[in-house]
Amino acid sequence: MSTSPDPSPTLRHRGAVLLLTFPVVVLTGCSSPTGTTSWWSQGSGASACRFPAWYRVAGGSVQPAGDCAGDLYDPAVVLTMRVGQQLDVHMTEEDNPRSSGLVPVYPVPTSSDPHILRRVATDGDATASYRALAPGTASLLSPDPFCTETTTTPFRQSSRPCPVVTVSVRG
């Protein structure tokens, strides 16, 4: 007799257990049309998870933003950077039947304070780089309001733009 895995995995976040009911998506490393591996594929690998975004600070290790079910969290993870450092962000892409290619699941974020953290480059519709310009705190906000507000019990959907990451810049 064989048993199949439970189709509703659970996720623990801040002491709560979330019941996830979603189709399993397997992400494998992404490559550019030239065959080179993209920086964000270093963090994705083969997985049943579908994190909504990936980021790296100063070319360092690639980290996921949000959760395995494809949701962004409000509040977002807080990163600490120094003035002059660069933050790269890639929003996970998916096939869209209304277009001829991949589109970001969430729009590329904008800085809540471009005097502290400013977009300095974009690469397509899903990837952008930001430079820390001055001490302070700024959030990278995706205009999509479909994120999980984790400061309430039970969690609820946020009605404001979703933070991808919050950045504390030091001098």
N, C-alpha and C. Protein backbone atom coordinates (compact mmCIF):
# COMPACT_ATOMS: atom_id res chain seq x y z
N MET A 1 0.84 -1.17 0.00
CA MET A 1 0.00 0.00 0.00
C MET A 1 0.89 1.23 0.00
N SER A 2 0.65 2.15 -0.91
CA SER A 2 1.45 3.36 -0.95
C SER A 2 0.59 4.54 -0.53
N THR A 3 1.24 5.48 0.07
CA THR A 3 0.53 6.70 0.47
C THR A 3 1.10 7.86 -0.31
N SER A 4 0.25 8.81 -0.63
CA SER A 4 0.73 9.99 -1.34
C SER A 4 0.98 11.10 -0.33
N PRO A 5 1.87 12.04 -0.67
CA PRO A 5 2.16 13.12 0.26
C PRO A 5 0.93 14.00 0.46
N ASP A 6 0.85 14.60 1.64
CA ASP A 6 -0.25 15.51 1.95
C ASP A 6 -0.23 16.67 0.96
N PRO A 7 -1.32 16.91 0.22
CA PRO A 7 -1.34 17.97 -0.78
C PRO A 7 -1.42 19.36 -0.16
N SER A 8 -1.56 19.50 1.15
CA SER A 8 -1.67 20.79 1.81
C SER A 8 -0.55 20.95 2.83
N PRO A 9 0.66 21.32 2.37
CA PRO A 9 1.78 21.48 3.30
C PRO A 9 1.53 22.66 4.23
N THR A 10 2.27 22.68 5.34
CA THR A 10 2.15 23.79 6.27
C THR A 10 3.42 24.61 6.24
N LEU A 11 3.31 25.86 6.66
CA LEU A 11 4.44 26.77 6.73
C LEU A 11 4.38 27.46 8.08
N ARG A 12 5.50 27.51 8.77
CA ARG A 12 5.54 28.21 10.05
C ARG A 12 6.12 29.60 9.82
N HIS A 13 5.42 30.61 10.31
CA HIS A 13 5.90 31.99 10.20
C HIS A 13 5.51 32.71 11.47
N ARG A 14 6.50 33.23 12.18
CA ARG A 14 6.29 34.00 13.40
C ARG A 14 5.40 33.28 14.39
N GLY A 15 5.63 31.99 14.56
CA GLY A 15 4.90 31.23 15.56
C GLY A 15 3.55 30.72 15.11
N ALA A 16 3.09 31.12 13.93
CA ALA A 16 1.80 30.65 13.43
C ALA A 16 2.02 29.54 12.42
N VAL A 17 1.05 28.71 12.25
CA VAL A 17 1.12 27.67 11.24
C VAL A 17 0.10 28.01 10.17
N LEU A 18 0.58 28.11 8.93
CA LEU A 18 -0.29 28.42 7.81
C LEU A 18 -0.56 27.15 7.03
N LEU A 19 -1.80 26.91 6.66
CA LEU A 19 -2.14 25.79 5.80
C LEU A 19 -2.09 26.30 4.38
N LEU A 20 -1.23 25.72 3.58
CA LEU A 20 -1.04 26.18 2.22
C LEU A 20 -1.76 25.25 1.26
N THR A 21 -2.59 25.81 0.43
CA THR A 21 -3.24 25.03 -0.62
C THR A 21 -2.93 25.73 -1.93
N PHE A 22 -1.97 25.19 -2.64
CA PHE A 22 -1.54 25.79 -3.88
C PHE A 22 -0.95 24.71 -4.77
N PRO A 23 -0.97 24.94 -6.06
CA PRO A 23 -0.33 23.96 -6.94
C PRO A 23 1.18 24.01 -6.75
N VAL A 24 1.82 22.90 -6.82
CA VAL A 24 3.26 22.84 -6.66
C VAL A 24 3.91 23.34 -7.95
N VAL A 25 4.83 24.25 -7.79
CA VAL A 25 5.59 24.79 -8.90
C VAL A 25 7.04 24.42 -8.65
N VAL A 26 7.68 23.84 -9.62
CA VAL A 26 9.08 23.50 -9.48
C VAL A 26 9.88 24.51 -10.26
N LEU A 27 10.72 25.27 -9.54
CA LEU A 27 11.58 26.24 -10.18
C LEU A 27 12.94 25.60 -10.37
N THR A 28 13.45 25.72 -11.55
CA THR A 28 14.82 25.28 -11.78
C THR A 28 15.60 26.51 -12.16
N GLY A 29 16.90 26.45 -12.12
CA GLY A 29 17.71 27.62 -12.42
C GLY A 29 17.33 28.27 -13.73
N CYS A 30 17.32 29.59 -13.74
CA CYS A 30 16.96 30.35 -14.94
C CYS A 30 18.22 30.73 -15.68
N SER A 31 18.13 30.77 -16.97
CA SER A 31 19.25 31.20 -17.80
C SER A 31 18.81 32.32 -18.71
N SER A 32 19.76 33.14 -19.07
CA SER A 32 19.47 34.20 -20.02
C SER A 32 19.50 33.62 -21.42
N PRO A 33 19.01 34.37 -22.43
CA PRO A 33 19.03 33.85 -23.80
C PRO A 33 20.43 33.50 -24.29
N THR A 34 21.47 34.09 -23.69
CA THR A 34 22.83 33.79 -24.13
C THR A 34 23.37 32.52 -23.47
N GLY A 35 22.59 31.91 -22.58
CA GLY A 35 23.01 30.67 -21.95
C GLY A 35 23.73 30.87 -20.63
N THR A 36 23.98 32.12 -20.22
CA THR A 36 24.63 32.34 -18.94
C THR A 36 23.59 32.30 -17.82
N THR A 37 24.01 31.91 -16.65
CA THR A 37 23.10 31.81 -15.52
C THR A 37 22.91 33.18 -14.89
N SER A 38 21.67 33.53 -14.58
CA SER A 38 21.35 34.80 -13.94
C SER A 38 21.71 34.75 -12.47
N TRP A 39 22.05 35.90 -11.87
CA TRP A 39 22.47 35.92 -10.47
C TRP A 39 21.39 35.37 -9.54
N TRP A 40 20.11 35.63 -9.83
CA TRP A 40 19.04 35.20 -8.93
C TRP A 40 18.81 33.69 -8.99
N SER A 41 19.26 33.02 -10.02
CA SER A 41 19.08 31.57 -10.08
C SER A 41 19.98 30.86 -9.08
N GLN A 42 20.99 31.56 -8.55
CA GLN A 42 21.86 30.97 -7.52
C GLN A 42 21.08 30.63 -6.27
N GLY A 43 19.99 31.37 -6.02
CA GLY A 43 19.22 31.13 -4.82
C GLY A 43 18.00 30.27 -5.05
N SER A 44 17.58 30.11 -6.31
CA SER A 44 16.33 29.40 -6.54
C SER A 44 16.50 27.89 -6.59
N GLY A 45 17.35 27.38 -7.45
CA GLY A 45 17.54 25.94 -7.55
C GLY A 45 16.24 25.22 -7.85
N ALA A 46 16.22 23.91 -7.70
CA ALA A 46 15.00 23.13 -7.91
C ALA A 46 14.23 23.09 -6.60
N SER A 47 12.98 23.48 -6.63
CA SER A 47 12.22 23.59 -5.40
C SER A 47 10.73 23.57 -5.68
N ALA A 48 9.95 23.17 -4.69
CA ALA A 48 8.50 23.27 -4.78
C ALA A 48 8.06 24.66 -4.33
N CYS A 49 9.00 25.47 -3.87
CA CYS A 49 8.69 26.83 -3.42
C CYS A 49 8.64 27.79 -4.59
N ARG A 50 7.91 28.85 -4.39
CA ARG A 50 7.83 29.89 -5.40
C ARG A 50 7.91 31.24 -4.71
N PHE A 51 9.10 31.58 -4.23
CA PHE A 51 9.29 32.87 -3.58
C PHE A 51 9.00 33.97 -4.59
N PRO A 52 8.36 35.07 -4.18
CA PRO A 52 7.98 36.12 -5.12
C PRO A 52 9.15 36.99 -5.58
N ALA A 53 10.25 37.01 -4.82
CA ALA A 53 11.38 37.86 -5.19
C ALA A 53 12.67 37.29 -4.62
N TRP A 54 13.77 37.74 -5.21
CA TRP A 54 15.11 37.37 -4.76
C TRP A 54 15.92 38.65 -4.66
N TYR A 55 16.85 38.71 -3.71
CA TYR A 55 17.68 39.90 -3.58
C TYR A 55 19.09 39.52 -3.16
N ARG A 56 20.02 40.45 -3.38
CA ARG A 56 21.38 40.29 -2.89
C ARG A 56 21.94 41.69 -2.62
N VAL A 57 22.75 41.78 -1.59
CA VAL A 57 23.38 43.04 -1.21
C VAL A 57 24.85 42.97 -1.59
N ALA A 58 25.32 43.98 -2.31
CA ALA A 58 26.73 44.11 -2.69
C ALA A 58 27.28 42.84 -3.35
N GLY A 59 26.46 42.22 -4.20
CA GLY A 59 26.90 41.04 -4.94
C GLY A 59 27.07 39.80 -4.08
N GLY A 60 26.56 39.83 -2.84
CA GLY A 60 26.71 38.71 -1.91
C GLY A 60 25.74 37.59 -2.21
N SER A 61 25.40 36.84 -1.17
CA SER A 61 24.55 35.67 -1.35
C SER A 61 23.12 36.08 -1.72
N VAL A 62 22.48 35.23 -2.48
CA VAL A 62 21.12 35.47 -2.95
C VAL A 62 20.14 34.96 -1.90
N GLN A 63 19.16 35.81 -1.53
CA GLN A 63 18.18 35.49 -0.50
C GLN A 63 16.77 35.66 -1.05
N PRO A 64 15.82 34.85 -0.58
CA PRO A 64 14.43 35.02 -1.02
C PRO A 64 13.72 36.10 -0.21
N ALA A 65 12.75 36.75 -0.83
CA ALA A 65 11.86 37.68 -0.13
C ALA A 65 10.46 37.07 -0.17
N GLY A 66 9.74 37.20 0.93
CA GLY A 66 8.40 36.62 1.00
C GLY A 66 8.43 35.19 1.46
N ASP A 67 7.40 34.44 1.06
CA ASP A 67 7.32 33.05 1.50
C ASP A 67 7.25 32.09 0.33
N CYS A 68 7.30 30.83 0.66
CA CYS A 68 7.34 29.74 -0.30
C CYS A 68 6.08 29.66 -1.16
N ALA A 69 4.98 30.22 -0.67
CA ALA A 69 3.71 30.18 -1.41
C ALA A 69 3.56 31.35 -2.37
N GLY A 70 4.58 32.19 -2.48
CA GLY A 70 4.53 33.30 -3.43
C GLY A 70 3.96 34.58 -2.86
N ASP A 71 3.85 34.70 -1.54
CA ASP A 71 3.32 35.92 -0.91
C ASP A 71 4.46 36.78 -0.39
N LEU A 72 4.28 38.09 -0.50
CA LEU A 72 5.16 39.03 0.17
C LEU A 72 4.59 39.31 1.56
N TYR A 73 5.46 39.58 2.53
CA TYR A 73 5.03 39.86 3.89
C TYR A 73 5.10 41.35 4.20
N ASP A 74 4.15 41.82 4.98
CA ASP A 74 4.12 43.20 5.45
C ASP A 74 4.04 43.14 6.96
N PRO A 75 5.09 43.46 7.70
CA PRO A 75 6.32 44.10 7.27
C PRO A 75 7.30 43.11 6.64
N ALA A 76 8.20 43.67 5.84
CA ALA A 76 9.19 42.87 5.13
C ALA A 76 10.44 42.70 5.98
N VAL A 77 11.32 41.83 5.52
CA VAL A 77 12.61 41.64 6.17
C VAL A 77 13.38 42.98 6.11
N VAL A 78 14.16 43.27 7.17
CA VAL A 78 14.95 44.50 7.23
C VAL A 78 16.40 44.16 6.96
N LEU A 79 16.98 44.84 5.98
CA LEU A 79 18.38 44.67 5.62
C LEU A 79 19.17 45.87 6.11
N THR A 80 20.44 45.67 6.44
CA THR A 80 21.31 46.78 6.79
C THR A 80 22.36 46.90 5.70
N MET A 81 22.50 48.12 5.18
CA MET A 81 23.48 48.40 4.13
C MET A 81 24.30 49.61 4.55
N ARG A 82 25.43 49.80 3.88
CA ARG A 82 26.24 51.00 4.06
C ARG A 82 26.07 51.90 2.85
N VAL A 83 26.25 53.20 3.07
CA VAL A 83 26.19 54.15 1.96
C VAL A 83 27.14 53.69 0.87
N GLY A 84 26.66 53.69 -0.36
CA GLY A 84 27.45 53.29 -1.52
C GLY A 84 27.21 51.85 -1.97
N GLN A 85 26.66 51.01 -1.10
CA GLN A 85 26.41 49.63 -1.49
C GLN A 85 25.22 49.54 -2.43
N GLN A 86 25.21 48.45 -3.21
CA GLN A 86 24.13 48.21 -4.17
C GLN A 86 23.29 47.01 -3.75
N LEU A 87 21.99 47.13 -3.96
CA LEU A 87 21.02 46.07 -3.70
C LEU A 87 20.40 45.68 -5.03
N ASP A 88 20.45 44.41 -5.38
CA ASP A 88 19.83 43.91 -6.61
C ASP A 88 18.57 43.15 -6.22
N VAL A 89 17.49 43.36 -6.96
CA VAL A 89 16.22 42.70 -6.70
C VAL A 89 15.69 42.11 -8.00
N HIS A 90 15.25 40.85 -7.94
CA HIS A 90 14.60 40.21 -9.09
C HIS A 90 13.24 39.69 -8.64
N MET A 91 12.20 40.09 -9.35
CA MET A 91 10.86 39.61 -9.07
C MET A 91 10.65 38.34 -9.89
N THR A 92 10.18 37.28 -9.25
CA THR A 92 9.95 36.01 -9.93
C THR A 92 8.98 36.22 -11.09
N GLU A 93 9.25 35.54 -12.18
CA GLU A 93 8.44 35.67 -13.38
C GLU A 93 7.62 34.41 -13.63
N GLU A 94 6.53 34.58 -14.37
CA GLU A 94 5.68 33.45 -14.74
C GLU A 94 5.18 33.65 -16.17
N ASP A 95 4.73 32.56 -16.78
CA ASP A 95 4.12 32.65 -18.11
C ASP A 95 2.81 33.41 -18.00
N ASN A 96 2.54 34.23 -19.00
CA ASN A 96 1.28 34.96 -19.04
C ASN A 96 0.63 34.68 -20.40
N PRO A 97 -0.57 34.12 -20.41
CA PRO A 97 -1.21 33.79 -21.68
C PRO A 97 -1.52 35.02 -22.54
N ARG A 98 -1.55 36.21 -21.93
CA ARG A 98 -1.84 37.43 -22.70
C ARG A 98 -0.59 38.07 -23.28
N SER A 99 0.58 37.51 -22.99
CA SER A 99 1.81 38.06 -23.54
C SER A 99 2.61 36.93 -24.17
N SER A 100 3.68 37.30 -24.83
CA SER A 100 4.48 36.29 -25.52
C SER A 100 5.67 35.82 -24.70
N GLY A 101 5.67 36.09 -23.41
CA GLY A 101 6.80 35.68 -22.60
C GLY A 101 6.49 35.71 -21.13
N LEU A 102 7.55 35.82 -20.36
CA LEU A 102 7.41 35.85 -18.91
C LEU A 102 7.11 37.26 -18.42
N VAL A 103 6.32 37.34 -17.34
CA VAL A 103 6.03 38.63 -16.70
C VAL A 103 6.25 38.46 -15.19
N PRO A 104 6.65 39.53 -14.50
CA PRO A 104 6.85 39.42 -13.06
C PRO A 104 5.55 39.15 -12.32
N VAL A 105 5.62 38.30 -11.28
CA VAL A 105 4.46 38.00 -10.46
C VAL A 105 4.00 39.27 -9.74
N TYR A 106 4.96 40.04 -9.22
CA TYR A 106 4.72 41.35 -8.63
C TYR A 106 5.53 42.37 -9.43
N PRO A 107 5.02 43.59 -9.59
CA PRO A 107 5.81 44.61 -10.30
C PRO A 107 7.11 44.94 -9.56
N VAL A 108 8.12 45.38 -10.31
CA VAL A 108 9.40 45.79 -9.72
C VAL A 108 9.13 46.92 -8.73
N PRO A 109 9.74 46.86 -7.55
CA PRO A 109 9.46 47.86 -6.53
C PRO A 109 10.11 49.22 -6.78
N THR A 110 9.53 50.22 -6.14
CA THR A 110 10.11 51.57 -6.12
C THR A 110 10.49 51.90 -4.70
N SER A 111 11.42 52.81 -4.53
CA SER A 111 11.88 53.19 -3.21
C SER A 111 10.91 54.16 -2.55
N SER A 112 10.66 53.94 -1.26
CA SER A 112 9.81 54.87 -0.51
C SER A 112 10.53 56.19 -0.26
N ASP A 113 11.87 56.21 -0.37
CA ASP A 113 12.65 57.43 -0.22
C ASP A 113 13.88 57.36 -1.12
N PRO A 114 13.77 57.89 -2.36
CA PRO A 114 14.90 57.81 -3.29
C PRO A 114 16.12 58.64 -2.88
N HIS A 115 15.99 59.48 -1.85
CA HIS A 115 17.16 60.19 -1.33
C HIS A 115 18.04 59.26 -0.49
N ILE A 116 17.44 58.17 0.01
CA ILE A 116 18.17 57.18 0.81
C ILE A 116 18.54 55.98 -0.05
N LEU A 117 17.59 55.47 -0.83
CA LEU A 117 17.80 54.29 -1.66
C LEU A 117 17.19 54.56 -3.03
N ARG A 118 18.03 54.67 -4.06
CA ARG A 118 17.58 55.06 -5.40
C ARG A 118 17.83 53.96 -6.41
N ARG A 119 16.82 53.76 -7.29
CA ARG A 119 17.00 52.81 -8.40
C ARG A 119 18.04 53.38 -9.35
N VAL A 120 19.05 52.57 -9.68
CA VAL A 120 20.12 53.03 -10.55
C VAL A 120 20.19 52.25 -11.86
N ALA A 121 19.49 51.12 -11.94
CA ALA A 121 19.52 50.33 -13.17
C ALA A 121 18.33 49.38 -13.20
N THR A 122 17.91 49.03 -14.42
CA THR A 122 16.90 48.00 -14.60
C THR A 122 17.39 47.04 -15.67
N ASP A 123 16.91 45.82 -15.59
CA ASP A 123 17.24 44.81 -16.58
C ASP A 123 15.94 44.10 -16.91
N GLY A 124 15.27 44.54 -17.96
CA GLY A 124 13.98 43.98 -18.32
C GLY A 124 12.89 44.47 -17.38
N ASP A 125 11.81 43.71 -17.30
CA ASP A 125 10.66 44.11 -16.49
C ASP A 125 10.70 43.56 -15.07
N ALA A 126 11.68 42.73 -14.75
CA ALA A 126 11.65 42.03 -13.47
C ALA A 126 12.85 42.27 -12.57
N THR A 127 13.88 42.95 -13.03
CA THR A 127 15.11 43.09 -12.26
C THR A 127 15.53 44.55 -12.18
N ALA A 128 15.94 44.97 -10.99
CA ALA A 128 16.41 46.35 -10.80
C ALA A 128 17.51 46.38 -9.76
N SER A 129 18.34 47.42 -9.83
CA SER A 129 19.41 47.64 -8.85
C SER A 129 19.19 48.99 -8.20
N TYR A 130 19.52 49.05 -6.91
CA TYR A 130 19.30 50.25 -6.10
C TYR A 130 20.60 50.56 -5.37
N ARG A 131 20.91 51.85 -5.21
CA ARG A 131 22.13 52.27 -4.52
C ARG A 131 21.74 52.99 -3.23
N ALA A 132 22.43 52.64 -2.14
CA ALA A 132 22.26 53.32 -0.86
C ALA A 132 23.01 54.65 -0.93
N LEU A 133 22.27 55.77 -0.78
CA LEU A 133 22.87 57.09 -0.96
C LEU A 133 23.11 57.86 0.33
N ALA A 134 22.29 57.62 1.35
CA ALA A 134 22.41 58.39 2.59
C ALA A 134 21.87 57.57 3.75
N PRO A 135 22.31 57.85 4.96
CA PRO A 135 21.79 57.13 6.13
C PRO A 135 20.28 57.36 6.28
N GLY A 136 19.60 56.33 6.75
CA GLY A 136 18.16 56.40 6.96
C GLY A 136 17.52 55.06 6.64
N THR A 137 16.20 55.06 6.56
CA THR A 137 15.45 53.83 6.28
C THR A 137 14.52 54.06 5.10
N ALA A 138 14.50 53.11 4.18
CA ALA A 138 13.61 53.17 3.02
C ALA A 138 13.12 51.76 2.72
N SER A 139 11.92 51.67 2.22
CA SER A 139 11.36 50.37 1.81
C SER A 139 11.28 50.32 0.30
N LEU A 140 11.48 49.13 -0.25
CA LEU A 140 11.21 48.91 -1.67
C LEU A 140 9.79 48.36 -1.74
N LEU A 141 8.90 49.12 -2.40
CA LEU A 141 7.48 48.80 -2.42
C LEU A 141 7.02 48.42 -3.81
N SER A 142 6.38 47.26 -3.91
CA SER A 142 5.74 46.86 -5.16
C SER A 142 4.31 47.39 -5.09
N PRO A 143 3.81 48.02 -6.15
CA PRO A 143 2.50 48.64 -6.07
C PRO A 143 1.34 47.68 -5.86
N ASP A 144 1.57 46.40 -6.00
CA ASP A 144 0.52 45.41 -5.84
C ASP A 144 0.14 45.28 -4.36
N PRO A 145 -1.13 45.41 -3.99
CA PRO A 145 -1.53 45.34 -2.59
C PRO A 145 -1.83 43.93 -2.08
N PHE A 146 -1.43 42.90 -2.78
CA PHE A 146 -1.76 41.54 -2.39
C PHE A 146 -0.62 40.89 -1.63
N CYS A 147 -0.42 41.35 -0.38
CA CYS A 147 0.59 40.74 0.47
C CYS A 147 -0.04 40.41 1.81
N THR A 148 0.67 39.62 2.60
CA THR A 148 0.14 39.15 3.87
C THR A 148 0.63 40.04 5.00
N GLU A 149 -0.30 40.65 5.71
CA GLU A 149 0.02 41.50 6.86
C GLU A 149 0.21 40.58 8.06
N THR A 150 1.44 40.51 8.57
CA THR A 150 1.77 39.55 9.62
C THR A 150 1.72 40.14 11.02
N THR A 151 1.29 41.39 11.15
CA THR A 151 1.21 42.00 12.48
C THR A 151 -0.16 41.80 13.11
N THR A 152 -1.06 41.13 12.40
CA THR A 152 -2.40 40.88 12.91
C THR A 152 -2.59 39.38 13.15
N THR A 153 -3.50 39.03 14.02
CA THR A 153 -3.85 37.63 14.24
C THR A 153 -5.36 37.50 14.09
N PRO A 154 -5.86 36.75 13.15
CA PRO A 154 -5.11 36.02 12.13
C PRO A 154 -4.53 36.99 11.09
N PHE A 155 -3.58 36.49 10.32
CA PHE A 155 -3.01 37.30 9.25
C PHE A 155 -4.11 37.74 8.32
N ARG A 156 -3.92 38.88 7.66
CA ARG A 156 -4.90 39.34 6.68
C ARG A 156 -4.17 39.94 5.49
N GLN A 157 -4.94 40.18 4.44
CA GLN A 157 -4.36 40.76 3.23
C GLN A 157 -4.19 42.26 3.43
N SER A 158 -3.02 42.76 3.05
CA SER A 158 -2.73 44.18 3.17
C SER A 158 -3.46 44.96 2.09
N SER A 159 -3.80 46.19 2.38
CA SER A 159 -4.50 47.02 1.41
C SER A 159 -3.59 48.13 0.88
N ARG A 160 -2.31 48.06 1.20
CA ARG A 160 -1.36 49.07 0.71
C ARG A 160 -0.28 48.37 -0.12
N PRO A 161 0.57 49.13 -0.80
CA PRO A 161 1.63 48.49 -1.59
C PRO A 161 2.46 47.53 -0.74
N CYS A 162 2.92 46.45 -1.37
CA CYS A 162 3.67 45.42 -0.65
C CYS A 162 5.14 45.75 -0.55
N PRO A 163 5.69 45.70 0.67
CA PRO A 163 7.13 45.88 0.79
C PRO A 163 7.85 44.59 0.37
N VAL A 164 8.89 44.73 -0.42
CA VAL A 164 9.71 43.59 -0.80
C VAL A 164 10.81 43.41 0.25
N VAL A 165 11.51 44.51 0.55
CA VAL A 165 12.48 44.56 1.64
C VAL A 165 12.45 45.98 2.22
N THR A 166 12.88 46.10 3.45
CA THR A 166 13.11 47.41 4.07
C THR A 166 14.60 47.52 4.33
N VAL A 167 15.17 48.68 4.01
CA VAL A 167 16.61 48.84 4.09
C VAL A 167 16.96 49.93 5.09
N SER A 168 17.82 49.58 6.04
CA SER A 168 18.38 50.54 6.98
C SER A 168 19.79 50.85 6.50
N VAL A 169 20.00 52.09 6.08
CA VAL A 169 21.31 52.50 5.54
C VAL A 169 22.11 53.20 6.63
N ARG A 170 23.33 52.74 6.81
CA ARG A 170 24.25 53.34 7.78
C ARG A 170 25.35 54.08 7.01
N GLY A 171 25.91 55.11 7.63
CA GLY A 171 26.95 55.94 7.01
C GLY A 171 28.24 55.26 6.74
